[in-house]
Protein backbone atom coordinates (compact mmCIF):
# COMPACT_ATOMS: atom_id res chain seq x y z
CA UNK A 1 55.10 -40.65 377.73
CA UNK A 2 56.32 -41.45 373.96
CA UNK A 3 59.85 -41.31 372.94
CA UNK A 4 61.10 -38.33 371.01
CA UNK A 5 60.68 -40.12 367.88
CA UNK A 6 57.52 -41.42 368.13
CA UNK A 7 55.93 -37.61 369.89
CA UNK A 8 57.25 -36.12 366.91
CA UNK A 9 55.21 -38.41 364.39
CA UNK A 10 52.16 -38.12 367.13
CA UNK A 11 52.64 -33.97 367.04
CA UNK A 12 53.27 -33.65 363.16
CA UNK A 13 49.69 -36.44 362.53
CA UNK A 14 48.27 -33.62 365.01
CA UNK A 15 49.50 -30.32 363.14
CA UNK A 16 47.54 -32.04 359.41
CA UNK A 17 44.51 -33.08 361.11
CA UNK A 18 43.33 -29.60 362.13
CA UNK A 19 44.14 -26.08 360.44
CA UNK A 20 45.33 -24.32 363.81
CA UNK A 21 46.83 -25.67 367.63
CA UNK A 22 46.72 -23.94 370.68
CA UNK A 23 49.97 -25.00 372.62
CA UNK A 24 48.08 -25.90 375.61
CA UNK A 25 45.80 -28.27 373.46
CA UNK A 26 48.75 -30.19 371.86
CA UNK A 27 50.89 -30.50 375.39
CA UNK A 28 47.61 -31.89 376.38
CA UNK A 29 47.51 -34.35 373.64
CA UNK A 30 51.27 -35.58 373.52
CA UNK A 31 51.21 -35.14 377.69
CA UNK A 32 54.22 -33.29 377.61
CA UNK A 33 55.22 -29.47 378.76
CA UNK A 34 54.16 -26.64 376.69
CA UNK A 35 58.03 -26.29 376.52
CA UNK A 36 58.54 -29.39 375.39
CA UNK A 37 55.60 -28.52 372.35
CA UNK A 38 57.72 -25.87 370.92
CA UNK A 39 60.90 -27.84 370.98
CA UNK A 40 59.22 -30.48 368.96
CA UNK A 41 58.13 -27.90 366.73
CA UNK A 42 61.55 -26.66 366.32
CA UNK A 43 62.49 -30.22 364.92
CA UNK A 44 60.00 -30.41 363.31
CA UNK A 45 60.80 -26.82 361.47
CA UNK A 46 64.41 -28.16 360.52
CA UNK A 47 63.02 -31.35 358.87
CA UNK A 48 61.50 -29.06 356.66
CA UNK A 49 58.09 -28.72 357.62
CA UNK A 50 56.88 -25.22 357.96
CA UNK A 51 54.84 -24.89 361.44
CA UNK A 52 53.86 -20.95 361.76
CA UNK A 53 53.47 -20.03 365.38
CA UNK A 54 50.62 -17.19 366.21
CA UNK A 55 52.18 -15.15 369.24
CA UNK A 56 50.09 -14.56 372.79
CA UNK A 57 48.56 -16.24 374.97
CA UNK A 58 46.30 -18.19 373.33
CA UNK A 59 48.94 -18.51 370.66
CA UNK A 60 49.32 -21.83 368.88
CA UNK A 61 50.34 -23.42 365.46
CA UNK A 62 49.22 -24.90 362.22
CA UNK A 63 51.40 -25.81 359.80
CA UNK A 64 51.34 -23.94 356.24
CA UNK A 65 52.97 -24.68 353.00
CA UNK A 66 56.41 -24.80 352.52
CA UNK A 67 58.97 -24.41 349.74
CA UNK A 68 59.59 -28.22 349.12
CA UNK A 69 57.26 -31.19 349.85
CA UNK A 70 57.99 -32.95 353.19
CA UNK A 71 56.96 -36.28 353.88
CA UNK A 72 52.99 -36.75 354.73
CA UNK A 73 51.27 -38.53 357.09
CA UNK A 74 48.14 -40.97 356.03
CA UNK A 75 46.38 -43.00 358.18
CA UNK A 76 44.81 -46.38 357.08
CA UNK A 77 41.76 -44.99 355.31
CA UNK A 78 43.39 -41.91 353.44
CA UNK A 79 46.39 -43.97 352.21
CA UNK A 80 43.77 -46.93 350.88
CA UNK A 81 41.61 -43.77 349.26
CA UNK A 82 45.19 -42.45 347.57
CA UNK A 83 46.63 -45.69 346.39
CA UNK A 84 42.62 -46.39 344.50
CA UNK A 85 43.24 -42.72 343.39
CA UNK A 86 46.07 -42.91 341.97
CA UNK A 87 45.60 -46.23 339.77
CA UNK A 88 41.96 -44.35 338.65
CA UNK A 89 44.10 -41.54 337.26
CA UNK A 90 46.41 -43.47 335.69
CA UNK A 91 43.56 -44.18 333.48
CA UNK A 92 41.63 -41.06 333.49
CA UNK A 93 40.19 -37.87 331.67
CA UNK A 94 43.44 -35.63 332.72
CA UNK A 95 45.55 -35.35 330.08
CA UNK A 96 49.94 -36.04 330.74
CA UNK A 97 49.61 -37.04 334.09
CA UNK A 98 48.92 -41.04 333.68
CA UNK A 99 53.15 -41.45 334.02
CA UNK A 100 53.18 -39.42 336.68
CA UNK A 101 50.12 -40.80 338.97
CA UNK A 102 52.08 -44.64 338.02
CA UNK A 103 55.45 -42.77 339.61
CA UNK A 104 53.56 -41.69 342.67
CA UNK A 105 51.69 -45.28 343.12
CA UNK A 106 54.94 -47.24 343.23
CA UNK A 107 56.41 -44.64 345.77
CA UNK A 108 53.36 -45.58 347.78
CA UNK A 109 52.60 -49.09 347.25
CA UNK A 110 56.69 -49.59 348.47
CA UNK A 111 55.75 -48.62 351.97
CA UNK A 112 52.55 -49.39 352.57
CA UNK A 113 51.66 -52.06 355.30
CA UNK A 114 50.88 -55.99 353.82
CA UNK A 115 47.71 -55.06 354.83
CA UNK A 116 47.08 -51.97 353.06
CA UNK A 117 48.48 -53.60 350.04
CA UNK A 118 46.49 -56.66 350.24
CA UNK A 119 43.02 -53.86 350.93
CA UNK A 120 44.31 -52.20 347.65
CA UNK A 121 44.99 -54.85 345.20
CA UNK A 122 41.77 -56.95 346.63
CA UNK A 123 39.33 -53.15 345.51
CA UNK A 124 41.41 -53.23 342.21
CA UNK A 125 41.36 -56.94 341.39
CA UNK A 126 37.86 -57.01 341.88
CA UNK A 127 36.68 -53.95 340.27
CA UNK A 128 36.59 -53.11 336.42
CA UNK A 129 36.41 -49.83 334.77
CA UNK A 130 34.31 -49.17 331.44
CA UNK A 131 37.50 -47.63 329.59
CA UNK A 132 36.11 -45.24 326.95
CA UNK A 133 37.07 -42.78 324.56
CA UNK A 134 36.30 -39.22 325.02
CA UNK A 135 38.32 -35.81 325.23
CA UNK A 136 40.86 -35.29 327.62
CA UNK A 137 42.07 -31.61 329.61
CA UNK A 138 45.42 -30.84 330.40
CA UNK A 139 45.85 -30.65 334.28
CA UNK A 140 47.36 -26.51 333.99
CA UNK A 141 43.92 -25.56 332.87
CA UNK A 142 42.32 -27.46 335.49
CA UNK A 143 43.94 -25.98 338.16
CA UNK A 144 43.90 -22.58 336.53
CA UNK A 145 40.54 -22.54 335.95
CA UNK A 146 40.21 -23.90 339.96
CA UNK A 147 42.88 -20.90 341.13
CA UNK A 148 40.45 -18.52 339.31
CA UNK A 149 37.33 -19.95 341.15
CA UNK A 150 38.87 -19.31 344.64
CA UNK A 151 40.32 -15.78 344.17
CA UNK A 152 36.88 -15.08 342.08
CA UNK A 153 38.72 -13.72 338.79
CA UNK A 154 37.29 -13.46 335.68
CA UNK A 155 38.14 -16.04 333.10
CA UNK A 156 38.85 -14.87 329.16
CA UNK A 157 38.81 -17.50 326.64
CA UNK A 158 38.64 -19.13 323.54
CA UNK A 159 35.48 -21.31 323.30
CA UNK A 160 34.34 -24.08 320.71
CA UNK A 161 30.47 -24.33 321.09
CA UNK A 162 28.87 -27.73 320.27
CA UNK A 163 28.30 -26.69 316.46
CA UNK A 164 31.84 -26.18 316.08
CA UNK A 165 31.59 -22.31 316.08
CA UNK A 166 34.60 -20.39 317.76
CA UNK A 167 33.41 -17.22 320.11
CA UNK A 168 35.59 -15.63 322.88
CA UNK A 169 34.10 -15.44 326.03
CA UNK A 170 34.21 -13.77 329.79
CA UNK A 171 32.98 -15.59 332.45
CA UNK A 172 33.09 -15.33 335.99
CA UNK A 173 34.14 -19.09 337.10
CA UNK A 174 32.26 -20.99 339.63
CA UNK A 175 32.64 -24.71 340.13
CA UNK A 176 34.55 -27.23 337.65
CA UNK A 177 31.94 -30.54 337.63
CA UNK A 178 33.51 -33.50 336.38
CA UNK A 179 30.34 -35.75 334.99
CA UNK A 180 31.57 -39.18 333.50
CA UNK A 181 34.42 -38.93 331.23
CA UNK A 182 34.27 -34.76 330.60
CA UNK A 183 34.62 -31.71 332.85
CA UNK A 184 32.35 -28.32 332.89
CA UNK A 185 32.70 -25.27 333.88
CA UNK A 186 30.06 -23.79 335.59
CA UNK A 187 30.39 -19.75 335.24
CA UNK A 188 28.45 -16.62 334.96
CA UNK A 189 28.51 -15.14 331.37
CA UNK A 190 29.29 -11.82 331.81
CA UNK A 191 28.02 -10.78 328.05
CA UNK A 192 24.97 -12.96 328.40
CA UNK A 193 24.20 -12.10 331.78
CA UNK A 194 23.21 -15.84 332.74
CA UNK A 195 24.56 -19.17 334.54
CA UNK A 196 26.14 -21.09 330.96
CA UNK A 197 28.31 -24.66 331.10
CA UNK A 198 31.27 -24.76 329.48
CA UNK A 199 33.09 -28.04 328.29
CA UNK A 200 36.56 -27.75 329.90
CA UNK A 201 37.93 -29.61 326.97
CA UNK A 202 36.87 -26.62 324.07
CA UNK A 203 38.12 -24.15 326.60
CA UNK A 204 41.20 -21.97 325.35
CA UNK A 205 42.91 -19.82 328.33
CA UNK A 206 43.40 -16.29 327.56
CA UNK A 207 46.38 -14.53 329.78
CA UNK A 208 46.33 -12.92 332.11
CA UNK A 209 43.17 -13.01 333.65
CA UNK A 210 40.32 -10.13 334.26
CA UNK A 211 39.82 -8.37 337.47
CA UNK A 212 38.13 -9.53 340.26
CA UNK A 213 34.42 -9.83 341.39
CA UNK A 214 32.08 -10.34 343.54
CA UNK A 215 30.90 -13.98 343.96
CA UNK A 216 27.21 -14.38 342.99
CA UNK A 217 24.83 -16.79 344.34
CA UNK A 218 24.95 -20.07 342.81
CA UNK A 219 21.75 -21.12 340.32
CA UNK A 220 21.81 -23.91 342.63
CA UNK A 221 23.07 -24.88 346.29
CA UNK A 222 23.51 -28.40 344.20
CA UNK A 223 26.11 -27.60 341.54
CA UNK A 224 25.97 -30.80 340.43
CA UNK A 225 22.14 -31.74 339.71
CA UNK A 226 22.86 -28.40 338.15
CA UNK A 227 24.89 -28.94 335.48
CA UNK A 228 22.91 -32.58 335.31
CA UNK A 229 19.51 -30.40 334.45
CA UNK A 230 21.47 -28.17 331.85
CA UNK A 231 22.69 -31.53 329.90
CA UNK A 232 19.49 -33.42 330.06
CA UNK A 233 17.92 -30.00 328.45
CA UNK A 234 20.86 -29.39 325.81
CA UNK A 235 20.69 -33.28 324.92
CA UNK A 236 16.86 -33.62 324.87
CA UNK A 237 15.45 -30.42 324.14
CA UNK A 238 11.75 -32.03 323.86
CA UNK A 239 10.15 -31.44 327.49
CA UNK A 240 6.77 -33.87 327.43
CA UNK A 241 4.52 -33.74 330.21
CA UNK A 242 1.30 -36.27 330.89
CA UNK A 243 -1.32 -36.58 333.46
CA UNK A 244 -1.43 -40.22 333.78
CA UNK A 245 -4.69 -41.57 335.60
CA UNK A 246 -2.33 -44.44 337.62
CA UNK A 247 -1.05 -44.02 340.83
CA UNK A 248 3.02 -42.75 340.87
CA UNK A 249 4.43 -46.02 342.49
CA UNK A 250 3.04 -47.76 339.19
CA UNK A 251 3.96 -45.30 336.44
CA UNK A 252 7.44 -45.06 337.83
CA UNK A 253 7.70 -48.92 337.21
CA UNK A 254 6.82 -49.41 333.69
CA UNK A 255 9.24 -45.91 332.37
CA UNK A 256 12.47 -43.99 332.99
CA UNK A 257 10.81 -40.72 332.91
CA UNK A 258 10.44 -38.52 336.01
CA UNK A 259 7.01 -39.22 338.10
CA UNK A 260 5.21 -36.55 340.39
CA UNK A 261 2.31 -37.83 341.85
CA UNK A 262 -1.11 -35.58 342.06
CA UNK A 263 -3.13 -37.83 344.36
CA UNK A 264 -3.60 -41.38 345.22
CA UNK A 265 -5.08 -42.51 341.66
CA UNK A 266 -2.97 -39.49 338.92
CA UNK A 267 0.45 -38.66 338.05
CA UNK A 268 1.89 -36.11 336.44
CA UNK A 269 4.96 -38.20 334.19
CA UNK A 270 7.44 -36.14 332.26
CA UNK A 271 9.53 -37.12 329.57
CA UNK A 272 12.47 -35.61 327.50
CA UNK A 273 13.86 -36.28 324.06
CA UNK A 274 13.84 -35.22 320.56
CA UNK A 275 11.31 -36.95 318.80
CA UNK A 276 7.95 -36.17 319.79
CA UNK A 277 6.65 -39.63 317.24
CA UNK A 278 8.98 -41.63 319.61
CA UNK A 279 7.73 -39.85 322.57
CA UNK A 280 3.95 -40.21 321.55
CA UNK A 281 4.82 -43.86 320.86
CA UNK A 282 6.77 -44.30 324.67
CA UNK A 283 3.46 -42.76 326.59
CA UNK A 284 0.88 -44.46 324.15
CA UNK A 285 2.87 -48.23 325.60
CA UNK A 286 1.95 -47.68 329.31
CA UNK A 287 -1.23 -48.94 328.40
CA UNK A 288 -2.70 -46.47 330.83
CA UNK A 289 -5.58 -43.71 330.43
CA UNK A 290 -3.53 -39.99 330.21
CA UNK A 291 -4.12 -36.69 329.06
CA UNK A 292 -1.45 -34.47 327.13
CA UNK A 293 -0.76 -31.09 329.46
CA UNK A 294 2.13 -30.20 327.12
CA UNK A 295 3.39 -29.56 324.40
CA UNK A 296 0.40 -29.67 322.27
CA UNK A 297 1.72 -31.20 319.30
CA UNK A 298 2.11 -34.34 320.80
CA UNK A 299 -1.94 -34.62 320.73
CA UNK A 300 -1.89 -34.16 317.43
CA UNK A 301 1.12 -37.03 317.42
CA UNK A 302 -0.73 -39.30 319.67
CA UNK A 303 -4.43 -38.73 316.70
CA UNK A 304 -2.28 -39.52 314.16
CA UNK A 305 -0.80 -42.96 315.87
CA UNK A 306 -4.49 -43.76 316.45
CA UNK A 307 -5.66 -43.50 313.04
CA UNK A 308 -3.34 -45.83 311.83
CA UNK A 309 -3.90 -48.32 314.16
CA UNK A 310 -7.71 -48.41 313.85
CA UNK A 311 -6.49 -49.19 310.03
């Protein structure tokens, strides 16, 4: 049987691993009587851990949030993940947390066992981050936005679009998506009655939040994929679709466009860009027979290129 100190640590670890435990299940895991579990819960409470009890025959315990932050128990993989996350955050895109991340990392590495410290240092030594310049976002803004997503509260904010024009917006927030060095808010725009993405670094929140709302079905179950698609359309407004007379596998190896097979010998190639002339040149250089499906202006561009090449 575990001694009292070891048993308390084991009990704390169990409480952190699941939302709620029945007393009988805890007693079975710890191989003690239910009254011992109740006594150990009392000891944890005296140490500052907010352990809440559910009354009744099937009652149990759950670890809640308290007024103070008591020590946490992490397994090996969790400790390594937290350490690497803190090192990454020290040079990340959230403004003002670099020094805080370094302080937390110093505390964590001080108590890491040698085997885990070696793993963290090895990973950090042999990986390189490409540090690029980009906008940063205040932590308070991210926490307020995520809280509004959780509580289903409308947000009111001033927003500066990519043309530099500012306007007041009201939206029902759904998710924050991190892409590269930027954060994007996915939300239902109340005035425009459609889903929109907003760059978080261009958002200036107004207080208080708006009324609560009933959540809508998201624009896509995979919201990250949806954001990627939206950004692609914003960056490359022109979409060209071509029926290529070659197998999809062959075409996919020649271009970075999207390739969808039609049959064994044909496929549809989709290219995105902002210059129809350049798009026409790219598809011409595939050296494969093709037909322009859309837009019609690409057909004329290709005719012009063809006439020039014949002269």
